């Protein structure tokens, strides 16, 4: 018997018995939670992941794939532009070299014409400006 005969007072033994019952009930409740509630929670979380989160990841993966494809195209075009720019720079260097030679020839020609008094100093400055 749980309750002692002392006018409603619980004894130390009564408290131990109550504690034992609570401990046993707690163990049963934990086992029920593990057996019934935890699998249900896991199933619901899994369902939520499949329905809500995984499709978002699939969409993001598709977007990244499309972006990667576009970036590959941009990189290819950029390589082509860089190659063409390199050729333009080479041609520009050759043009500058030729212009330097033409400038030297024009300068020499104006000096000869000036020495032979075919042109005036003002004419030379006008030609070289």
N, C-alpha and C. Protein backbone atom coordinates (compact mmCIF):
# COMPACT_ATOMS: atom_id res chain seq x y z
N UNK A 1 0.83 -1.17 0.00
CA UNK A 1 0.00 0.00 0.00
C UNK A 1 0.88 1.24 0.00
N UNK A 2 0.48 2.23 -0.83
CA UNK A 2 1.29 3.42 -0.99
C UNK A 2 1.20 4.38 0.18
N UNK A 3 0.06 4.61 0.63
CA UNK A 3 -0.11 5.61 1.68
C UNK A 3 0.00 4.94 3.04
N UNK A 4 0.68 5.64 3.92
CA UNK A 4 0.82 5.08 5.26
C UNK A 4 -0.44 5.38 6.06
N UNK A 5 -0.49 4.83 7.19
CA UNK A 5 -1.65 4.99 8.07
C UNK A 5 -1.49 6.19 8.99
N UNK A 6 -0.62 7.07 8.75
CA UNK A 6 -0.35 8.20 9.63
C UNK A 6 -1.10 9.43 9.20
N UNK A 7 -2.29 9.46 9.16
CA UNK A 7 -3.13 10.62 8.92
C UNK A 7 -2.76 11.36 7.64
N UNK A 8 -2.59 10.66 6.57
CA UNK A 8 -2.33 11.29 5.29
C UNK A 8 -0.89 11.66 5.05
N UNK A 9 0.01 11.33 5.91
CA UNK A 9 1.42 11.65 5.74
C UNK A 9 2.09 10.53 4.97
N UNK A 10 3.01 10.93 4.07
CA UNK A 10 3.75 9.94 3.29
C UNK A 10 5.05 9.63 4.00
N UNK A 11 5.38 8.36 3.98
CA UNK A 11 6.64 7.95 4.60
C UNK A 11 7.73 7.96 3.54
N UNK A 12 8.93 7.78 4.01
CA UNK A 12 10.08 7.69 3.12
C UNK A 12 9.90 6.54 2.15
N UNK A 13 9.35 5.44 2.62
CA UNK A 13 9.10 4.27 1.78
C UNK A 13 8.05 4.58 0.73
N UNK A 14 7.01 5.33 1.11
CA UNK A 14 5.98 5.73 0.14
C UNK A 14 6.58 6.58 -0.98
N UNK A 15 7.45 7.52 -0.62
CA UNK A 15 8.09 8.38 -1.61
C UNK A 15 8.99 7.57 -2.55
N UNK A 16 9.68 6.57 -2.02
CA UNK A 16 10.51 5.70 -2.86
C UNK A 16 9.64 4.94 -3.85
N UNK A 17 8.48 4.45 -3.37
CA UNK A 17 7.59 3.70 -4.26
C UNK A 17 7.03 4.62 -5.36
N UNK A 18 6.68 5.82 -4.99
CA UNK A 18 6.17 6.79 -5.99
C UNK A 18 7.28 7.10 -6.99
N UNK A 19 8.47 7.34 -6.49
CA UNK A 19 9.60 7.61 -7.37
C UNK A 19 9.86 6.45 -8.32
N UNK A 20 9.76 5.24 -7.82
CA UNK A 20 9.94 4.06 -8.66
C UNK A 20 8.89 3.99 -9.75
N UNK A 21 7.63 4.29 -9.39
CA UNK A 21 6.54 4.28 -10.38
C UNK A 21 6.78 5.35 -11.45
N UNK A 22 7.20 6.55 -11.00
CA UNK A 22 7.46 7.63 -11.95
C UNK A 22 8.62 7.27 -12.89
N UNK A 23 9.64 6.66 -12.31
CA UNK A 23 10.78 6.26 -13.13
C UNK A 23 10.34 5.22 -14.16
N UNK A 24 9.55 4.26 -13.73
CA UNK A 24 9.05 3.22 -14.64
C UNK A 24 8.16 3.84 -15.72
N UNK A 25 7.27 4.74 -15.30
CA UNK A 25 6.39 5.41 -16.27
C UNK A 25 7.22 6.24 -17.26
N UNK A 26 8.26 6.89 -16.75
CA UNK A 26 9.14 7.70 -17.60
C UNK A 26 9.83 6.81 -18.64
N UNK A 27 10.29 5.63 -18.22
CA UNK A 27 10.93 4.70 -19.15
C UNK A 27 9.94 4.25 -20.22
N UNK A 28 8.71 3.95 -19.80
CA UNK A 28 7.69 3.51 -20.77
C UNK A 28 7.38 4.64 -21.75
N UNK A 29 7.24 5.85 -21.23
CA UNK A 29 6.94 7.00 -22.08
C UNK A 29 8.08 7.24 -23.08
N UNK A 30 9.32 7.16 -22.62
CA UNK A 30 10.45 7.33 -23.52
C UNK A 30 10.45 6.26 -24.61
N UNK A 31 10.16 5.04 -24.24
CA UNK A 31 10.11 3.95 -25.22
C UNK A 31 9.00 4.19 -26.23
N UNK A 32 7.84 4.67 -25.76
CA UNK A 32 6.74 4.97 -26.68
C UNK A 32 7.12 6.11 -27.64
N UNK A 33 7.79 7.11 -27.09
CA UNK A 33 8.22 8.24 -27.93
C UNK A 33 9.17 7.73 -29.01
N UNK A 34 10.14 6.91 -28.59
CA UNK A 34 11.10 6.37 -29.56
C UNK A 34 10.42 5.49 -30.60
N UNK A 35 9.48 4.71 -30.17
CA UNK A 35 8.84 3.75 -31.06
C UNK A 35 7.80 4.40 -31.99
N UNK A 36 7.08 5.40 -31.51
CA UNK A 36 5.97 5.93 -32.29
C UNK A 36 6.19 7.36 -32.79
N UNK A 37 6.62 8.22 -31.93
CA UNK A 37 6.67 9.64 -32.28
C UNK A 37 7.90 9.98 -33.12
N UNK A 38 9.06 9.47 -32.74
CA UNK A 38 10.28 9.79 -33.48
C UNK A 38 10.19 9.36 -34.94
N UNK A 39 9.75 8.12 -35.24
CA UNK A 39 9.63 7.76 -36.65
C UNK A 39 8.63 8.64 -37.41
N UNK A 40 7.58 9.07 -36.74
CA UNK A 40 6.61 9.95 -37.38
C UNK A 40 7.24 11.31 -37.68
N UNK A 41 8.01 11.82 -36.74
CA UNK A 41 8.69 13.11 -36.95
C UNK A 41 9.68 12.98 -38.10
N UNK A 42 10.44 11.91 -38.11
CA UNK A 42 11.42 11.69 -39.18
C UNK A 42 10.72 11.61 -40.53
N UNK A 43 9.61 10.91 -40.58
CA UNK A 43 8.85 10.79 -41.83
C UNK A 43 8.32 12.15 -42.28
N UNK A 44 7.81 12.93 -41.34
CA UNK A 44 7.28 14.25 -41.70
C UNK A 44 8.39 15.19 -42.15
N UNK A 45 9.53 15.15 -41.48
CA UNK A 45 10.65 15.99 -41.88
C UNK A 45 11.14 15.57 -43.27
N UNK A 46 11.22 14.26 -43.50
CA UNK A 46 11.63 13.77 -44.81
C UNK A 46 10.67 14.20 -45.90
N UNK A 47 9.39 14.11 -45.61
CA UNK A 47 8.38 14.54 -46.59
C UNK A 47 8.49 16.03 -46.86
N UNK A 48 8.70 16.81 -45.80
CA UNK A 48 8.85 18.26 -45.96
C UNK A 48 10.08 18.57 -46.82
N UNK A 49 11.18 17.85 -46.57
CA UNK A 49 12.38 18.06 -47.37
C UNK A 49 12.11 17.74 -48.84
N UNK A 50 11.49 16.60 -49.09
CA UNK A 50 11.22 16.20 -50.47
C UNK A 50 10.27 17.17 -51.18
N UNK A 51 9.31 17.68 -50.49
CA UNK A 51 8.30 18.54 -51.12
C UNK A 51 8.74 19.99 -51.23
N UNK A 52 9.48 20.49 -50.26
CA UNK A 52 9.76 21.92 -50.20
C UNK A 52 11.21 22.30 -50.46
N UNK A 53 12.12 21.58 -49.87
CA UNK A 53 13.52 22.01 -49.92
C UNK A 53 14.26 21.41 -51.10
N UNK A 54 14.12 20.11 -51.33
CA UNK A 54 14.84 19.48 -52.43
C UNK A 54 14.49 20.07 -53.79
N UNK A 55 13.22 20.40 -54.07
CA UNK A 55 12.94 21.05 -55.35
C UNK A 55 13.67 22.39 -55.50
N UNK A 56 13.83 23.11 -54.41
CA UNK A 56 14.56 24.38 -54.47
C UNK A 56 16.03 24.13 -54.82
N UNK A 57 16.61 23.09 -54.25
CA UNK A 57 17.99 22.74 -54.59
C UNK A 57 18.09 22.33 -56.05
N UNK A 58 17.11 21.58 -56.54
CA UNK A 58 17.11 21.19 -57.95
C UNK A 58 17.05 22.43 -58.85
N UNK A 59 16.20 23.39 -58.48
CA UNK A 59 16.10 24.62 -59.26
C UNK A 59 17.43 25.38 -59.24
N UNK A 60 18.07 25.44 -58.07
CA UNK A 60 19.35 26.14 -57.96
C UNK A 60 20.42 25.43 -58.79
N UNK A 61 20.42 24.10 -58.77
CA UNK A 61 21.40 23.36 -59.57
C UNK A 61 21.18 23.62 -61.05
N UNK A 62 19.92 23.65 -61.49
CA UNK A 62 19.63 23.96 -62.88
C UNK A 62 20.13 25.35 -63.25
N UNK A 63 19.90 26.31 -62.36
CA UNK A 63 20.37 27.68 -62.61
C UNK A 63 21.89 27.74 -62.71
N UNK A 64 22.56 27.07 -61.79
CA UNK A 64 24.02 27.05 -61.82
C UNK A 64 24.53 26.40 -63.10
N UNK A 65 23.87 25.33 -63.52
CA UNK A 65 24.28 24.67 -64.77
C UNK A 65 24.14 25.62 -65.95
N UNK A 66 23.02 26.35 -66.01
CA UNK A 66 22.81 27.30 -67.11
C UNK A 66 23.85 28.43 -67.04
N UNK A 67 24.13 28.91 -65.82
CA UNK A 67 25.12 29.98 -65.68
C UNK A 67 26.50 29.49 -66.09
N UNK A 68 26.83 28.27 -65.72
CA UNK A 68 28.13 27.72 -66.08
C UNK A 68 28.25 27.59 -67.60
N UNK A 69 27.17 27.16 -68.25
CA UNK A 69 27.18 27.05 -69.71
C UNK A 69 27.38 28.42 -70.34
N UNK A 70 26.67 29.41 -69.82
CA UNK A 70 26.82 30.77 -70.35
C UNK A 70 28.23 31.29 -70.12
N UNK A 71 28.79 31.05 -68.94
CA UNK A 71 30.15 31.51 -68.65
C UNK A 71 31.17 30.83 -69.56
N UNK A 72 30.95 29.55 -69.87
CA UNK A 72 31.84 28.88 -70.80
C UNK A 72 31.82 29.58 -72.16
N UNK A 73 30.62 29.97 -72.61
CA UNK A 73 30.50 30.70 -73.88
C UNK A 73 31.19 32.04 -73.82
N UNK A 74 31.04 32.74 -72.70
CA UNK A 74 31.68 34.05 -72.54
C UNK A 74 33.21 33.89 -72.54
N UNK A 75 33.70 32.87 -71.85
CA UNK A 75 35.14 32.64 -71.82
C UNK A 75 35.68 32.35 -73.22
N UNK A 76 34.94 31.56 -73.98
CA UNK A 76 35.37 31.24 -75.34
C UNK A 76 35.43 32.50 -76.19
N UNK A 77 34.37 33.32 -76.09
CA UNK A 77 34.36 34.57 -76.86
C UNK A 77 35.46 35.51 -76.40
N UNK A 78 35.70 35.57 -75.10
CA UNK A 78 36.76 36.43 -74.57
C UNK A 78 38.13 35.99 -75.09
N UNK A 79 38.35 34.69 -75.15
CA UNK A 79 39.62 34.20 -75.71
C UNK A 79 39.77 34.67 -77.15
N UNK A 80 38.68 34.60 -77.93
CA UNK A 80 38.73 35.06 -79.31
C UNK A 80 39.02 36.54 -79.41
N UNK A 81 38.38 37.33 -78.54
CA UNK A 81 38.61 38.78 -78.54
C UNK A 81 40.06 39.08 -78.17
N UNK A 82 40.59 38.37 -77.18
CA UNK A 82 41.97 38.60 -76.77
C UNK A 82 42.93 38.26 -77.91
N UNK A 83 42.66 37.18 -78.64
CA UNK A 83 43.52 36.81 -79.78
C UNK A 83 43.47 37.89 -80.85
N UNK A 84 42.26 38.36 -81.18
CA UNK A 84 42.14 39.40 -82.20
C UNK A 84 42.80 40.70 -81.73
N UNK A 85 42.64 41.04 -80.47
CA UNK A 85 43.27 42.24 -79.93
C UNK A 85 44.79 42.13 -80.02
N UNK A 86 45.32 40.97 -79.77
CA UNK A 86 46.77 40.77 -79.90
C UNK A 86 47.23 41.02 -81.32
N UNK A 87 46.44 40.54 -82.29
CA UNK A 87 46.80 40.78 -83.70
C UNK A 87 46.71 42.27 -84.03
N UNK A 88 45.70 42.95 -83.51
CA UNK A 88 45.56 44.39 -83.75
C UNK A 88 46.74 45.15 -83.15
N UNK A 89 47.16 44.76 -81.95
CA UNK A 89 48.31 45.41 -81.32
C UNK A 89 49.57 45.21 -82.16
N UNK A 90 49.75 44.03 -82.70
CA UNK A 90 50.92 43.76 -83.55
C UNK A 90 50.88 44.64 -84.79
N UNK A 91 49.71 44.71 -85.41
CA UNK A 91 49.59 45.55 -86.61
C UNK A 91 49.82 47.02 -86.27
N UNK A 92 49.29 47.47 -85.14
CA UNK A 92 49.46 48.86 -84.72
C UNK A 92 50.94 49.17 -84.50
N UNK A 93 51.66 48.24 -83.90
CA UNK A 93 53.10 48.44 -83.71
C UNK A 93 53.80 48.62 -85.06
N UNK A 94 53.42 47.80 -86.05
CA UNK A 94 54.02 47.93 -87.38
C UNK A 94 53.67 49.28 -88.01
N UNK A 95 52.41 49.71 -87.85
CA UNK A 95 52.00 51.00 -88.41
C UNK A 95 52.78 52.13 -87.75
N UNK A 96 52.96 52.08 -86.44
CA UNK A 96 53.72 53.11 -85.75
C UNK A 96 55.17 53.15 -86.24
N UNK A 97 55.75 51.99 -86.46
CA UNK A 97 57.12 51.93 -86.97
C UNK A 97 57.19 52.58 -88.35
N UNK A 98 56.21 52.26 -89.20
CA UNK A 98 56.20 52.85 -90.54
C UNK A 98 55.99 54.37 -90.47
N UNK A 99 55.12 54.83 -89.57
CA UNK A 99 54.89 56.27 -89.42
C UNK A 99 56.16 56.98 -88.96
N UNK A 100 56.88 56.34 -88.04
CA UNK A 100 58.14 56.93 -87.59
C UNK A 100 59.11 57.09 -88.77
N UNK A 101 59.17 56.06 -89.64
CA UNK A 101 60.05 56.16 -90.82
C UNK A 101 59.57 57.26 -91.77
N UNK A 102 58.25 57.35 -91.99
CA UNK A 102 57.70 58.40 -92.87
C UNK A 102 57.98 59.77 -92.28
N UNK A 103 57.81 59.93 -90.97
CA UNK A 103 58.12 61.22 -90.33
C UNK A 103 59.59 61.59 -90.55
N UNK A 104 60.46 60.61 -90.39
CA UNK A 104 61.89 60.87 -90.62
C UNK A 104 62.15 61.29 -92.05
N UNK A 105 61.50 60.63 -93.00
CA UNK A 105 61.70 60.97 -94.42
C UNK A 105 61.14 62.36 -94.73
N UNK A 106 59.97 62.68 -94.20
CA UNK A 106 59.38 64.01 -94.43
C UNK A 106 60.27 65.08 -93.84
N UNK A 107 60.79 64.84 -92.66
CA UNK A 107 61.68 65.79 -92.01
C UNK A 107 62.94 65.99 -92.85
N UNK A 108 63.52 64.89 -93.31
CA UNK A 108 64.72 64.99 -94.16
C UNK A 108 64.41 65.72 -95.46
N UNK A 109 63.26 65.41 -96.07
CA UNK A 109 62.88 66.05 -97.32
C UNK A 109 62.67 67.55 -97.14
N UNK A 110 62.01 67.95 -96.06
CA UNK A 110 61.79 69.39 -95.84
C UNK A 110 63.11 70.10 -95.58
N UNK A 111 64.07 69.43 -94.94
CA UNK A 111 65.40 70.03 -94.72
C UNK A 111 66.12 70.25 -96.06
N UNK A 112 66.04 69.25 -96.94
CA UNK A 112 66.67 69.39 -98.26
C UNK A 112 66.02 70.52 -99.03
N UNK A 113 64.68 70.55 -99.02
CA UNK A 113 63.97 71.60 -99.75
C UNK A 113 64.28 72.98 -99.17
N UNK A 114 64.44 73.06 -97.87
CA UNK A 114 64.77 74.33 -97.22
C UNK A 114 66.19 74.77 -97.60
N UNK A 115 67.14 73.82 -97.62
CA UNK A 115 68.53 74.15 -97.98
C UNK A 115 68.63 74.63 -99.44
N UNK A 116 67.80 74.06 -100.28
CA UNK A 116 67.83 74.45 -101.69
C UNK A 116 66.93 75.66 -101.94
N UNK A 117 66.42 76.23 -100.88
CA UNK A 117 65.55 77.41 -100.91
C UNK A 117 64.32 77.20 -101.80
N UNK A 118 63.86 75.98 -101.82
CA UNK A 118 62.62 75.69 -102.55
C UNK A 118 61.42 76.03 -101.65
N UNK A 119 61.60 75.83 -100.34
CA UNK A 119 60.55 76.20 -99.38
C UNK A 119 61.15 77.12 -98.34
N UNK A 120 60.28 77.82 -97.65
CA UNK A 120 60.74 78.71 -96.58
C UNK A 120 60.66 77.96 -95.25
N UNK A 121 61.27 78.61 -94.24
CA UNK A 121 61.21 78.02 -92.90
C UNK A 121 59.76 77.92 -92.42
N UNK A 122 58.93 78.88 -92.74
CA UNK A 122 57.50 78.86 -92.38
C UNK A 122 56.80 77.69 -93.07
N UNK A 123 57.18 77.44 -94.34
CA UNK A 123 56.61 76.30 -95.06
C UNK A 123 56.97 74.98 -94.37
N UNK A 124 58.22 74.87 -93.95
CA UNK A 124 58.69 73.66 -93.26
C UNK A 124 57.88 73.43 -91.98
N UNK A 125 57.74 74.51 -91.17
CA UNK A 125 56.96 74.37 -89.92
C UNK A 125 55.52 73.97 -90.22
N UNK A 126 54.94 74.52 -91.30
CA UNK A 126 53.56 74.18 -91.66
C UNK A 126 53.45 72.71 -92.07
N UNK A 127 54.44 72.21 -92.80
CA UNK A 127 54.42 70.80 -93.24
C UNK A 127 54.58 69.87 -92.03
N UNK A 128 55.44 70.21 -91.11
CA UNK A 128 55.75 69.33 -89.97
C UNK A 128 54.76 69.46 -88.81
N UNK A 129 53.86 70.42 -88.87
CA UNK A 129 52.93 70.58 -87.76
C UNK A 129 51.77 69.62 -87.81
